[in-house]
Amino acid sequence: MDYLKEYQRWCEDPAFDEETKKELMSIKDNEEEIKDRFYKELEFGTAGLRGVIGMGTNRMNKYTVGKATQGLANYILEQGTQDKGVVISFDSRKMSDEFSLQTALILNANGIKTYLFESLRPVPELSFAVRQLKATAGIMITASHNPPKYNGYKVYWDDGSQIVAPRDKEIINKVRAISDFKEIKTISKEEAIKKGLFNAIGKEMDDKYIETLKSHVLNPEIVKEQGKYLKIVYTPLHGTGNTIAERLLNELGFENVYVVPEQAKPDGNFPTVDYPNPEDKKAFKLALELAKKVDADVVLATDPDADRLGIYAKDAKTGDYMEYTGNMSALLIAEYRISQMKEKGILPKNGMLITTIVSSNLAKAIAKNYGLECIEVLTGFKNIGAVMKEAEEKKDKTYIFGFEESYGCLIGDYARDKDGIAAVMSLCEAAAYYRSKGITLWDQMINIYEKYGYYKETQVSIVLEGAEGAEKIKEMMTNTRNKEIKQIGKYKVLKFKDIERNYVKDMLTGEESKTGLPKSNVLYYELENDAWCCVRPSGTEPKIKLYMGVKGKNNEDATSELEDLKVAMEKVVRGN
């Protein structure tokens, strides 16, 4: 794309309003900024749109959102499912409110019914609502845990899961086919309401969602009994989480819930954090201060769209608040729920635990212990959703639990995306249960390690922004892919998997086979002693991501092994 020519067009074409032109004229002397905004189109990929808010082809704005929506509308009309409607929700980010209304009205202008949440709501409730309303699709305006300058647009299909192949590519093609912003249809809200196309939803859906979550509690009496004593600190990090979380916990019987006051209200500037991500230790600063003040047992944080949960739990022996990774918190929930289901005689014989190839191998150990099938999928919860859909259609397997290492899990089949609200509920239920047994959540985490082995994982992100960064990421992936790697640090490589090429090589025997996974730009190294490494470019951010895991004899051993593996893997990818 000739970025200067495209910039000029946006500055002159009457299709763009004066406000747009004014913003663009303010950068007329900054060629680097012009290039970044116009060197490519903000791509509608398999995860929808995600980008920096601002004017330009490579930005989130009313024109790029409009184009995505018109393309989706054309696809829905082609499917003939426009009367089933589309559910739309949004988070607290800048422009989320405006983009969600614009999206609804473009769909309405195409004769497609919409159900727009009256105010911001979490991703899991959107997924739940798509299934409840039997809608044809769902749209969530969010950039999840990205910094404040970002926003995004995620598309869900009628099962409540984000779009997967081949539908994702079919919708992408419809979006790409919009060659002119003049093709985007519009209608006034008043006219859309009059035609019965624009519908607001809210409290009634909240009630159904909350009742559904409550029905998944395994020990309600213990929750009521221990809920009088357990102290919980929670922060929604200025996002959607507290539209539901505090009410849910209170209704279950948790009487000591402290919401971080400075972060309780939605705010797209995220003024108290640099990065509204529960994976980031710094995001917990205020929550941990409050926890120490009230002597909390557990500290919880959800990201802006409330699909991810981060936790700290108090170690009663030292008084310190211990950090959990996404693998640790999810598998703590899994062990609690699965063990309780088994104890109560309600664990199905055909149960499945679904994980991703970059998540902890502890999942396999837990599944094996309880006689569950452990199914591995590619990164992204939509791939877990696809397995759930297939099982629902074939009626041959029962979903028990699914998670990915990026701080997200789903405890039931009522939705098809990770649910930070249900995770809050489940962690608190587990804390209440273990309290009734005289132990803390941290004690239980140690018990899990003692039972299965000290599994430990980490992730490294190499950030490379802009056009040059994108090229460098591509180059690093190609170079790593083409190396014959027989050893990483002290570990022998047992198997190499190139998922892009559907290729597996047994490094000991030389035998070659297929991965059986959908094509994706991912390299995976199975190492000796239950260790592993994985490399992939991020689908939503300018990063190349390295994942790795080890199994140690104890905590110190696992920590040391993981650090060595991390250093070795970075050398491999950077080409040192």
Protein backbone atom coordinates (compact mmCIF):
# COMPACT_ATOMS: atom_id res chain seq x y z
CA MET A 1 0.00 0.00 0.00
CA ASP A 2 1.34 3.48 -0.94
CA TYR A 3 0.88 4.97 2.51
CA LEU A 4 1.38 8.63 1.51
CA LYS A 5 -1.14 8.32 -1.32
CA GLU A 6 -3.68 6.66 1.00
CA TYR A 7 -3.07 9.32 3.66
CA GLN A 8 -3.74 12.02 1.06
CA ARG A 9 -6.98 10.30 0.02
CA TRP A 10 -8.26 10.23 3.61
CA CYS A 11 -7.40 13.93 3.94
CA GLU A 12 -9.30 14.89 0.76
CA ASP A 13 -12.06 12.38 0.03
CA PRO A 14 -15.56 13.62 1.03
CA ALA A 15 -16.29 10.09 2.35
CA PHE A 16 -14.29 11.08 5.46
CA ASP A 17 -15.68 13.65 7.87
CA GLU A 18 -14.02 16.88 8.99
CA GLU A 19 -13.08 15.52 12.40
CA THR A 20 -11.15 12.70 10.71
CA LYS A 21 -9.36 15.11 8.39
CA LYS A 22 -8.48 17.42 11.27
CA GLU A 23 -6.85 14.55 13.20
CA LEU A 24 -4.90 13.47 10.11
CA MET A 25 -3.74 17.00 9.26
CA SER A 26 -2.26 17.25 12.75
CA ILE A 27 0.33 14.58 11.78
CA LYS A 28 1.16 15.97 8.30
CA ASP A 29 4.81 16.58 9.25
CA ASN A 30 5.32 13.19 10.91
CA GLU A 31 6.02 10.71 8.13
CA GLU A 32 6.79 7.86 10.54
CA GLU A 33 3.33 8.25 12.14
CA ILE A 34 1.67 8.50 8.70
CA LYS A 35 3.45 5.32 7.63
CA ASP A 36 2.38 3.42 10.75
CA ARG A 37 -1.25 4.47 10.25
CA PHE A 38 -1.41 3.73 6.51
CA TYR A 39 1.24 1.14 5.55
CA LYS A 40 -1.43 -1.59 5.66
CA GLU A 41 -5.09 -2.20 6.40
CA LEU A 42 -6.01 -3.20 9.93
CA GLU A 43 -6.59 -6.82 9.12
CA PHE A 44 -9.82 -8.56 10.04
CA GLY A 45 -8.16 -11.79 11.11
CA THR A 46 -9.34 -15.00 12.71
CA ALA A 47 -9.66 -13.13 16.05
CA GLY A 48 -11.47 -10.18 14.42
CA LEU A 49 -9.96 -6.71 14.63
CA ARG A 50 -7.54 -5.34 17.19
CA GLY A 51 -5.51 -2.16 16.92
CA VAL A 52 -4.65 1.30 18.18
CA ILE A 53 -7.59 3.75 18.22
CA GLY A 54 -7.20 6.57 15.69
CA MET A 55 -7.74 7.52 12.07
CA GLY A 56 -6.07 5.56 9.29
CA THR A 57 -6.32 2.20 7.55
CA ASN A 58 -4.19 0.51 10.24
CA ARG A 59 -6.26 1.84 13.15
CA MET A 60 -9.48 1.10 15.03
CA ASN A 61 -11.98 3.76 13.97
CA LYS A 62 -15.56 4.08 12.74
CA TYR A 63 -14.50 3.36 9.16
CA THR A 64 -12.57 0.15 9.85
CA VAL A 65 -15.29 -1.01 12.29
CA GLY A 66 -17.93 -0.10 9.70
CA LYS A 67 -16.16 -2.11 6.99
CA ALA A 68 -15.85 -5.16 9.28
CA THR A 69 -19.54 -4.94 10.20
CA GLN A 70 -20.75 -4.52 6.62
CA GLY A 71 -18.67 -7.55 5.57
CA LEU A 72 -20.16 -9.59 8.44
CA ALA A 73 -23.66 -8.37 7.52
CA ASN A 74 -23.17 -9.50 3.91
CA TYR A 75 -22.10 -12.92 5.19
CA ILE A 76 -25.10 -13.26 7.54
CA LEU A 77 -27.49 -12.27 4.73
CA GLU A 78 -25.89 -14.88 2.49
CA GLN A 79 -26.50 -17.48 5.23
CA GLY A 80 -30.14 -16.36 5.49
CA THR A 81 -29.95 -16.16 9.30
CA GLN A 82 -30.58 -12.41 9.71
CA ASP A 83 -33.83 -12.96 11.69
CA LYS A 84 -32.02 -14.88 14.42
CA GLY A 85 -30.20 -11.69 15.34
CA VAL A 86 -26.76 -10.70 16.59
CA VAL A 87 -25.88 -10.06 20.25
CA ILE A 88 -23.48 -7.15 20.89
CA SER A 89 -21.58 -6.31 24.06
CA PHE A 90 -18.70 -4.00 24.89
CA ASP A 91 -16.17 -3.24 27.61
CA SER A 92 -14.92 -0.05 29.27
CA ARG A 93 -12.37 0.92 26.62
CA LYS A 94 -12.34 4.24 24.80
CA MET A 95 -14.85 4.22 21.93
CA SER A 96 -16.34 0.83 22.95
CA ASP A 97 -19.78 2.37 23.54
CA GLU A 98 -19.70 4.24 20.20
CA PHE A 99 -18.38 1.26 18.21
CA SER A 100 -21.02 -1.08 19.66
CA LEU A 101 -23.90 1.27 18.77
CA GLN A 102 -22.46 1.85 15.29
CA THR A 103 -22.14 -1.93 14.80
CA ALA A 104 -25.77 -2.50 15.82
CA LEU A 105 -27.08 0.19 13.48
CA ILE A 106 -25.08 -1.03 10.46
CA LEU A 107 -26.47 -4.52 11.01
CA ASN A 108 -29.98 -3.03 11.42
CA ALA A 109 -29.54 -1.07 8.17
CA ASN A 110 -28.97 -4.44 6.49
CA GLY A 111 -32.20 -5.82 7.97
CA ILE A 112 -30.43 -7.83 10.69
CA LYS A 113 -31.94 -7.87 14.18
CA THR A 114 -29.60 -6.93 17.05
CA TYR A 115 -29.58 -7.36 20.83
CA LEU A 116 -27.29 -4.70 22.30
CA PHE A 117 -26.44 -4.80 26.00
CA GLU A 118 -27.69 -1.57 27.60
CA SER A 119 -24.26 -1.04 29.20
CA LEU A 120 -20.92 -2.79 29.35
CA ARG A 121 -20.86 -6.54 30.10
CA PRO A 122 -18.18 -9.28 30.23
CA VAL A 123 -17.21 -11.50 27.30
CA PRO A 124 -18.52 -14.70 28.97
CA GLU A 125 -21.97 -13.16 29.37
CA LEU A 126 -21.98 -12.30 25.65
CA SER A 127 -21.11 -15.91 24.78
CA PHE A 128 -23.85 -17.10 27.17
CA ALA A 129 -26.40 -14.65 25.66
CA VAL A 130 -25.70 -15.82 22.08
CA ARG A 131 -26.65 -19.35 23.16
CA GLN A 132 -29.63 -18.22 25.26
CA LEU A 133 -31.14 -16.08 22.49
CA LYS A 134 -30.25 -18.64 19.78
CA ALA A 135 -28.68 -15.76 17.85
CA THR A 136 -26.76 -16.28 14.63
CA ALA A 137 -23.71 -14.39 15.91
CA GLY A 138 -22.23 -12.24 18.66
CA ILE A 139 -19.83 -9.29 18.62
CA MET A 140 -17.70 -8.07 21.53
CA ILE A 141 -16.06 -4.66 21.32
CA THR A 142 -12.90 -5.13 23.38
CA ALA A 143 -9.12 -5.26 23.20
CA SER A 144 -9.08 -7.58 26.21
CA HIS A 145 -6.00 -6.86 28.34
CA ASN A 146 -4.13 -4.62 25.86
CA PRO A 147 -2.89 -1.13 26.85
CA PRO A 148 -5.42 1.79 26.86
CA LYS A 149 -4.67 2.99 23.31
CA TYR A 150 -6.11 -0.24 21.84
CA ASN A 151 -9.60 -1.47 21.03
CA GLY A 152 -10.89 -4.46 19.13
CA TYR A 153 -13.81 -6.36 17.62
CA LYS A 154 -14.34 -10.10 18.27
CA VAL A 155 -16.89 -12.15 16.32
CA TYR A 156 -18.73 -15.17 17.75
CA TRP A 157 -20.97 -17.64 15.93
CA ASP A 158 -24.24 -19.30 16.96
CA ASP A 159 -22.64 -21.79 19.36
CA GLY A 160 -21.26 -18.88 21.42
CA SER A 161 -17.67 -19.55 20.36
CA GLN A 162 -15.38 -17.23 18.43
CA ILE A 163 -15.44 -17.98 14.72
CA VAL A 164 -13.27 -20.88 13.53
CA ALA A 165 -12.33 -22.40 10.16
CA PRO A 166 -13.74 -22.40 7.57
CA ARG A 167 -16.24 -19.72 8.68
CA ASP A 168 -13.51 -17.31 9.81
CA LYS A 169 -11.93 -17.23 6.33
CA GLU A 170 -15.35 -16.88 4.65
CA ILE A 171 -16.17 -13.83 6.81
CA ILE A 172 -12.66 -12.38 6.28
CA ASN A 173 -13.21 -12.63 2.51
CA LYS A 174 -16.52 -10.75 2.80
CA VAL A 175 -14.81 -7.99 4.80
CA ARG A 176 -11.95 -7.74 2.28
CA ALA A 177 -14.48 -7.50 -0.55
CA ILE A 178 -15.70 -4.11 0.78
CA SER A 179 -13.61 -1.86 -1.44
CA ASP A 180 -15.28 1.46 -0.63
CA PHE A 181 -16.48 2.89 2.68
CA LYS A 182 -19.58 4.14 0.78
CA GLU A 183 -20.81 0.52 0.73
CA ILE A 184 -21.43 0.68 4.49
CA LYS A 185 -25.18 1.03 5.13
CA THR A 186 -26.61 3.18 7.92
CA ILE A 187 -29.95 3.74 9.66
CA SER A 188 -31.04 5.92 12.58
CA LYS A 189 -31.59 4.29 15.96
CA GLU A 190 -35.20 5.57 15.99
CA GLU A 191 -35.98 3.92 12.66
CA ALA A 192 -34.25 0.67 13.69
CA ILE A 193 -36.34 0.54 16.90
CA LYS A 194 -39.52 1.26 14.93
CA LYS A 195 -38.74 -1.65 12.59
CA GLY A 196 -38.14 -3.98 15.56
CA LEU A 197 -34.52 -4.49 14.56
CA PHE A 198 -32.79 -2.75 17.49
CA ASN A 199 -33.31 -4.43 20.89
CA ALA A 200 -31.71 -3.57 24.24
CA ILE A 201 -30.91 -6.37 26.73
CA GLY A 202 -29.50 -6.30 30.24
CA LYS A 203 -30.82 -7.23 33.67
CA GLU A 204 -32.86 -10.26 32.60
CA MET A 205 -29.78 -11.77 30.91
CA ASP A 206 -27.66 -10.95 33.99
CA ASP A 207 -30.13 -12.87 36.17
CA LYS A 208 -30.06 -15.93 33.89
CA TYR A 209 -26.27 -15.89 33.69
CA ILE A 210 -25.87 -15.58 37.47
CA GLU A 211 -28.38 -18.39 38.14
CA THR A 212 -26.52 -20.61 35.65
CA LEU A 213 -23.18 -19.96 37.36
CA LYS A 214 -24.68 -20.64 40.79
CA SER A 215 -25.98 -24.00 39.53
CA HIS A 216 -22.34 -25.05 38.96
CA VAL A 217 -21.38 -24.66 42.63
CA LEU A 218 -20.55 -28.12 43.98
CA ASN A 219 -20.59 -27.39 47.73
CA PRO A 220 -23.15 -24.61 48.36
CA GLU A 221 -23.53 -25.44 52.06
CA ILE A 222 -19.78 -25.23 52.71
CA VAL A 223 -19.71 -21.91 50.81
CA LYS A 224 -22.46 -20.51 53.08
CA GLU A 225 -20.76 -21.81 56.21
CA GLN A 226 -17.22 -20.61 55.35
CA GLY A 227 -18.40 -17.52 53.45
CA LYS A 228 -18.88 -15.78 56.80
CA TYR A 229 -15.14 -15.96 57.48
CA LEU A 230 -13.30 -16.04 54.13
CA LYS A 231 -11.93 -12.62 53.14
CA ILE A 232 -11.78 -11.82 49.43
CA VAL A 233 -10.22 -8.81 47.69
CA TYR A 234 -11.35 -8.33 44.09
CA THR A 235 -10.50 -5.81 41.38
CA PRO A 236 -12.10 -5.53 37.93
CA LEU A 237 -9.15 -3.30 36.86
CA HIS A 238 -11.56 -0.57 35.64
CA GLY A 239 -13.34 -3.10 33.40
CA THR A 240 -16.59 -5.07 33.13
CA GLY A 241 -16.04 -7.64 35.89
CA ASN A 242 -17.91 -5.91 38.68
CA THR A 243 -21.12 -5.68 36.67
CA ILE A 244 -21.53 -9.28 37.91
CA ALA A 245 -18.78 -10.49 40.29
CA GLU A 246 -19.61 -8.80 43.63
CA ARG A 247 -23.34 -9.52 43.28
CA LEU A 248 -22.63 -13.18 42.48
CA LEU A 249 -20.29 -13.66 45.45
CA ASN A 250 -22.70 -11.94 47.82
CA GLU A 251 -25.64 -14.07 46.66
CA LEU A 252 -23.57 -17.23 47.20
CA GLY A 253 -22.92 -16.25 50.81
CA PHE A 254 -19.47 -14.64 50.75
CA GLU A 255 -19.89 -11.84 53.29
CA ASN A 256 -16.41 -10.29 53.22
CA VAL A 257 -15.84 -9.15 49.64
CA TYR A 258 -13.66 -6.04 49.31
CA VAL A 259 -13.64 -4.45 45.85
CA VAL A 260 -10.61 -2.19 45.28
CA PRO A 261 -12.34 1.23 45.37
CA GLU A 262 -9.89 3.02 43.04
CA GLN A 263 -10.45 0.37 40.34
CA ALA A 264 -14.14 -0.44 40.84
CA LYS A 265 -15.56 1.94 38.23
CA PRO A 266 -15.17 1.35 34.48
CA ASP A 267 -12.58 3.68 32.94
CA GLY A 268 -10.97 3.25 29.52
CA ASN A 269 -7.92 5.25 30.60
CA PHE A 270 -7.10 2.56 33.21
CA PRO A 271 -5.65 5.36 35.37
CA THR A 272 -4.20 3.19 38.16
CA VAL A 273 -2.37 0.66 35.96
CA ASP A 274 0.02 0.84 33.01
CA TYR A 275 -1.40 -2.33 31.59
CA PRO A 276 -4.82 -3.72 32.69
CA ASN A 277 -3.66 -7.31 32.64
CA PRO A 278 -3.98 -9.74 35.58
CA GLU A 279 -0.87 -11.51 34.23
CA ASP A 280 1.13 -8.39 35.19
CA LYS A 281 2.27 -8.26 38.84
CA LYS A 282 2.10 -4.44 38.81
CA ALA A 283 -1.66 -4.59 38.14
CA PHE A 284 -2.11 -6.09 41.64
CA LYS A 285 -0.41 -3.24 43.53
CA LEU A 286 -3.60 -1.66 44.97
CA ALA A 287 -5.33 -5.01 45.49
CA LEU A 288 -2.40 -6.36 47.51
CA GLU A 289 -2.25 -3.18 49.60
CA LEU A 290 -5.94 -3.61 50.42
CA ALA A 291 -5.42 -7.35 51.07
CA LYS A 292 -2.76 -6.61 53.70
CA LYS A 293 -5.03 -4.02 55.31
CA VAL A 294 -8.03 -6.39 55.65
CA ASP A 295 -5.97 -9.60 56.04
CA ALA A 296 -7.53 -11.20 52.95
CA ASP A 297 -7.23 -14.90 52.20
CA VAL A 298 -7.41 -14.50 48.44
CA VAL A 299 -6.81 -11.63 45.99
CA LEU A 300 -8.47 -11.74 42.56
CA ALA A 301 -8.29 -9.57 39.42
CA THR A 302 -10.12 -9.82 36.10
CA ASP A 303 -9.07 -8.06 32.89
CA PRO A 304 -11.29 -5.39 31.21
CA ASP A 305 -13.56 -7.88 29.39
CA ALA A 306 -13.46 -10.31 32.36
CA ASP A 307 -12.46 -13.45 30.52
CA ARG A 308 -9.13 -13.75 32.39
CA LEU A 309 -8.48 -14.15 36.10
CA GLY A 310 -5.27 -13.53 38.02
CA ILE A 311 -4.89 -14.56 41.68
CA TYR A 312 -2.72 -14.28 44.76
CA ALA A 313 -3.40 -16.42 47.85
CA LYS A 314 -2.08 -15.97 51.34
CA ASP A 315 0.45 -18.43 52.65
CA ALA A 316 -0.59 -18.72 56.31
CA LYS A 317 2.87 -19.98 57.29
CA THR A 318 4.77 -16.89 56.07
CA GLY A 319 1.98 -14.31 55.77
CA ASP A 320 3.10 -13.64 52.17
CA TYR A 321 0.71 -13.39 49.22
CA MET A 322 1.75 -16.00 46.67
CA GLU A 323 1.30 -15.42 42.96
CA TYR A 324 -0.39 -18.01 40.73
CA THR A 325 0.21 -18.34 37.00
CA GLY A 326 -2.74 -18.98 34.69
CA ASN A 327 -1.82 -22.66 34.62
CA MET A 328 -1.73 -22.84 38.42
CA SER A 329 -5.08 -21.15 39.06
CA ALA A 330 -6.88 -23.08 36.30
CA LEU A 331 -5.51 -26.43 37.43
CA LEU A 332 -6.29 -25.68 41.07
CA ILE A 333 -9.91 -25.17 39.96
CA ALA A 334 -9.74 -28.32 37.80
CA GLU A 335 -8.39 -30.52 40.62
CA TYR A 336 -11.00 -29.13 43.04
CA ARG A 337 -13.98 -29.56 40.71
CA ILE A 338 -12.98 -32.94 39.29
CA SER A 339 -12.11 -34.44 42.69
CA GLN A 340 -15.44 -33.22 44.12
CA MET A 341 -17.40 -34.55 41.14
CA LYS A 342 -15.71 -37.93 41.59
CA GLU A 343 -16.39 -37.92 45.34
CA LYS A 344 -20.06 -37.11 44.73
CA GLY A 345 -20.35 -39.79 42.01
CA ILE A 346 -21.20 -37.28 39.26
CA LEU A 347 -18.01 -37.44 37.19
CA PRO A 348 -19.02 -38.75 33.73
CA LYS A 349 -17.14 -41.78 32.38
CA ASN A 350 -16.75 -40.11 28.98
CA GLY A 351 -15.46 -36.83 30.43
CA MET A 352 -12.88 -34.67 28.71
CA LEU A 353 -10.45 -32.04 29.93
CA ILE A 354 -9.41 -29.71 27.08
CA THR A 355 -6.14 -27.81 27.13
CA THR A 356 -3.87 -26.05 24.63
CA ILE A 357 -0.43 -27.09 23.37
CA VAL A 358 1.20 -24.19 25.27
CA SER A 359 -0.44 -24.99 28.61
CA SER A 360 0.96 -27.02 31.51
CA ASN A 361 1.57 -30.76 31.18
CA LEU A 362 0.09 -30.98 34.70
CA ALA A 363 -3.29 -31.05 32.89
CA LYS A 364 -2.42 -34.45 31.40
CA ALA A 365 -1.43 -35.81 34.82
CA ILE A 366 -4.71 -34.66 36.41
CA ALA A 367 -6.81 -36.03 33.53
CA LYS A 368 -5.02 -39.40 33.71
CA ASN A 369 -5.53 -39.60 37.49
CA TYR A 370 -9.31 -39.19 37.14
CA GLY A 371 -9.74 -41.28 33.97
CA LEU A 372 -10.57 -38.30 31.75
CA GLU A 373 -9.52 -37.87 28.15
CA CYS A 374 -7.08 -34.95 27.82
CA ILE A 375 -7.48 -33.22 24.47
CA GLU A 376 -4.86 -30.72 23.26
CA VAL A 377 -5.76 -27.95 20.81
CA LEU A 378 -4.02 -24.92 19.33
CA THR A 379 -3.76 -21.68 21.32
CA GLY A 380 -7.02 -19.73 21.52
CA PHE A 381 -10.15 -20.61 23.43
CA LYS A 382 -12.13 -20.84 20.19
CA ASN A 383 -10.29 -24.10 19.53
CA ILE A 384 -11.54 -25.45 22.86
CA GLY A 385 -15.02 -24.24 21.81
CA ALA A 386 -14.73 -26.19 18.54
CA VAL A 387 -14.08 -29.46 20.43
CA MET A 388 -17.04 -28.70 22.72
CA LYS A 389 -19.28 -28.13 19.69
CA GLU A 390 -18.24 -31.40 18.07
CA ALA A 391 -18.88 -33.32 21.31
CA GLU A 392 -22.27 -31.63 21.67
CA GLU A 393 -23.23 -32.66 18.13
CA LYS A 394 -21.91 -36.23 18.36
CA LYS A 395 -23.04 -36.70 21.99
CA ASP A 396 -19.99 -38.96 22.52
CA LYS A 397 -18.04 -36.97 25.14
CA THR A 398 -18.92 -34.80 28.13
CA TYR A 399 -17.15 -31.51 28.72
CA ILE A 400 -15.73 -31.24 32.25
CA PHE A 401 -13.21 -28.42 32.09
CA GLY A 402 -11.15 -26.40 29.61
CA PHE A 403 -8.38 -23.87 30.05
CA GLU A 404 -5.44 -22.11 28.46
CA GLU A 405 -2.31 -20.82 30.15
CA SER A 406 -3.28 -17.20 29.41
CA TYR A 407 -5.30 -16.99 32.64
CA GLY A 408 -8.58 -18.32 31.25
CA CYS A 409 -10.82 -21.32 31.93
CA LEU A 410 -14.44 -22.45 31.58
CA ILE A 411 -16.13 -24.64 34.19
CA GLY A 412 -19.25 -25.68 32.22
CA ASP A 413 -20.79 -25.88 28.77
CA TYR A 414 -23.18 -22.90 29.22
CA ALA A 415 -20.77 -20.68 27.23
CA ARG A 416 -17.97 -21.15 24.73
CA ASP A 417 -15.31 -18.70 25.88
CA LYS A 418 -13.12 -18.41 28.94
CA ASP A 419 -15.05 -17.04 31.90
CA GLY A 420 -13.23 -14.92 34.46
CA ILE A 421 -16.43 -14.43 36.48
CA ALA A 422 -17.00 -18.18 36.87
CA ALA A 423 -13.30 -18.55 37.71
CA VAL A 424 -13.70 -15.94 40.51
CA MET A 425 -16.65 -17.93 41.83
CA SER A 426 -14.84 -21.28 41.59
CA LEU A 427 -11.65 -20.04 43.25
CA CYS A 428 -13.68 -18.64 46.13
CA GLU A 429 -15.66 -21.88 46.42
CA ALA A 430 -12.40 -23.87 46.46
CA ALA A 431 -10.96 -21.52 49.11
CA ALA A 432 -14.08 -22.05 51.25
CA TYR A 433 -13.89 -25.84 50.83
CA TYR A 434 -10.19 -26.07 51.71
CA ARG A 435 -10.72 -23.69 54.65
CA SER A 436 -13.29 -26.18 55.97
CA LYS A 437 -10.50 -28.79 55.81
CA GLY A 438 -8.12 -26.50 57.72
CA ILE A 439 -5.88 -25.59 54.78
CA THR A 440 -5.37 -22.54 52.55
CA LEU A 441 -5.45 -22.30 48.76
CA TRP A 442 -1.66 -22.09 48.80
CA ASP A 443 -1.42 -25.26 50.93
CA GLN A 444 -3.61 -26.97 48.33
CA MET A 445 -1.37 -25.81 45.46
CA ILE A 446 1.60 -27.43 47.22
CA ASN A 447 -0.51 -30.57 47.76
CA ILE A 448 -1.18 -30.73 44.01
CA TYR A 449 2.55 -30.47 43.25
CA GLU A 450 3.36 -33.14 45.82
CA LYS A 451 0.72 -35.39 44.28
CA TYR A 452 1.62 -34.95 40.58
CA GLY A 453 5.11 -33.39 40.42
CA TYR A 454 6.45 -29.82 40.39
CA TYR A 455 5.32 -28.61 36.98
CA LYS A 456 6.41 -25.05 36.22
CA GLU A 457 5.92 -22.93 33.12
CA THR A 458 6.83 -19.50 31.83
CA GLN A 459 6.44 -17.33 28.77
CA VAL A 460 8.71 -14.78 27.09
CA SER A 461 7.46 -12.11 24.69
CA ILE A 462 9.86 -10.44 22.28
CA VAL A 463 8.10 -7.19 21.27
CA LEU A 464 8.91 -5.82 17.78
CA GLU A 465 6.59 -2.99 16.73
CA GLY A 466 5.81 -1.41 13.35
CA ALA A 467 6.44 -2.59 9.78
CA GLU A 468 10.10 -3.43 10.49
CA GLY A 469 9.08 -5.39 13.59
CA ALA A 470 6.57 -7.47 11.60
CA GLU A 471 9.33 -8.37 9.12
CA LYS A 472 11.75 -9.29 11.91
CA ILE A 473 9.13 -11.57 13.54
CA LYS A 474 8.61 -13.31 10.20
CA GLU A 475 12.38 -13.74 9.78
CA MET A 476 12.83 -15.17 13.30
CA MET A 477 10.05 -17.72 12.75
CA THR A 478 11.53 -18.78 9.38
CA ASN A 479 15.07 -19.11 10.74
CA THR A 480 13.93 -21.15 13.75
CA ARG A 481 11.72 -23.36 11.55
CA ASN A 482 14.63 -24.20 9.24
CA LYS A 483 17.10 -25.16 11.99
CA GLU A 484 17.62 -28.84 12.83
CA ILE A 485 17.50 -28.53 16.64
CA LYS A 486 18.49 -31.68 18.52
CA GLN A 487 19.14 -30.12 21.92
CA ILE A 488 17.82 -27.05 23.78
CA GLY A 489 19.98 -26.27 26.80
CA LYS A 490 20.47 -29.51 28.74
CA TYR A 491 17.40 -31.16 27.19
CA LYS A 492 17.37 -33.49 24.20
CA VAL A 493 14.59 -32.79 21.69
CA LEU A 494 12.40 -35.90 21.44
CA LYS A 495 9.93 -34.57 18.86
CA PHE A 496 9.73 -31.48 16.65
CA LYS A 497 6.30 -30.33 15.45
CA ASP A 498 5.83 -27.72 12.72
CA ILE A 499 2.09 -27.13 12.85
CA GLU A 500 2.14 -24.76 9.85
CA ARG A 501 3.41 -27.66 7.70
CA ASN A 502 1.41 -30.39 9.55
CA TYR A 503 4.74 -32.09 10.20
CA VAL A 504 6.14 -34.10 13.12
CA LYS A 505 9.64 -35.54 13.32
CA ASP A 506 10.75 -38.01 15.95
CA MET A 507 14.29 -36.76 16.58
CA LEU A 508 15.46 -40.10 17.99
CA THR A 509 14.20 -42.42 15.23
CA GLY A 510 13.89 -39.93 12.34
CA GLU A 511 10.29 -41.09 11.79
CA GLU A 512 8.01 -38.44 10.23
CA SER A 513 4.25 -38.05 10.70
CA LYS A 514 1.44 -35.46 10.75
CA THR A 515 0.26 -33.27 13.66
CA GLY A 516 -3.46 -33.66 12.91
CA LEU A 517 -3.96 -30.04 14.04
CA PRO A 518 -5.26 -27.17 11.88
CA LYS A 519 -2.56 -25.18 10.06
CA SER A 520 -1.02 -22.51 12.32
CA ASN A 521 2.34 -20.74 12.52
CA VAL A 522 3.55 -22.66 15.57
CA LEU A 523 6.76 -24.59 16.30
CA TYR A 524 6.71 -27.11 19.18
CA TYR A 525 9.59 -29.01 20.77
CA GLU A 526 8.84 -32.00 22.98
CA LEU A 527 11.82 -32.44 25.29
CA GLU A 528 12.97 -35.19 27.64
CA ASN A 529 11.83 -35.34 31.29
CA ASP A 530 8.35 -33.95 30.47
CA ALA A 531 9.81 -30.57 29.43
CA TRP A 532 8.74 -28.68 26.32
CA CYS A 533 9.07 -25.41 24.34
CA CYS A 534 6.86 -23.66 21.83
CA VAL A 535 7.28 -20.59 19.58
CA ARG A 536 4.61 -18.60 17.77
CA PRO A 537 3.92 -15.02 16.67
CA SER A 538 1.06 -13.32 18.57
CA GLY A 539 -2.15 -13.05 16.56
CA THR A 540 -3.14 -9.76 18.19
CA GLU A 541 0.05 -7.94 19.26
CA PRO A 542 3.47 -7.14 17.69
CA LYS A 543 5.23 -9.98 19.51
CA ILE A 544 6.89 -13.32 19.02
CA LYS A 545 5.97 -15.53 21.98
CA LEU A 546 8.02 -18.28 23.56
CA TYR A 547 6.34 -20.77 25.91
CA MET A 548 8.06 -23.47 27.93
CA GLY A 549 7.55 -25.88 30.80
CA VAL A 550 9.50 -28.30 33.00
CA LYS A 551 8.81 -30.88 35.70
CA GLY A 552 11.11 -30.63 38.70
CA LYS A 553 11.75 -32.68 41.83
CA ASN A 554 10.75 -29.75 44.03
CA ASN A 555 9.97 -26.04 43.70
CA GLU A 556 13.62 -24.90 43.73
CA ASP A 557 14.65 -27.54 41.19
CA ALA A 558 11.76 -26.66 38.83
CA THR A 559 12.53 -22.90 39.11
CA SER A 560 16.19 -23.42 38.29
CA GLU A 561 15.47 -25.81 35.38
CA LEU A 562 12.92 -23.40 33.92
CA GLU A 563 15.31 -20.44 34.07
CA ASP A 564 18.00 -22.44 32.23
CA LEU A 565 15.51 -23.54 29.58
CA LYS A 566 14.26 -19.97 29.10
CA VAL A 567 17.79 -18.66 28.45
CA ALA A 568 18.51 -21.53 26.04
CA MET A 569 15.26 -21.07 24.11
CA GLU A 570 15.74 -17.32 23.71
CA LYS A 571 19.18 -18.00 22.22
CA VAL A 572 17.65 -20.43 19.72
CA VAL A 573 14.97 -17.96 18.56
CA ARG A 574 17.17 -14.85 18.52
CA GLY A 575 19.80 -16.79 16.60
CA ASN A 576 22.58 -16.22 19.17
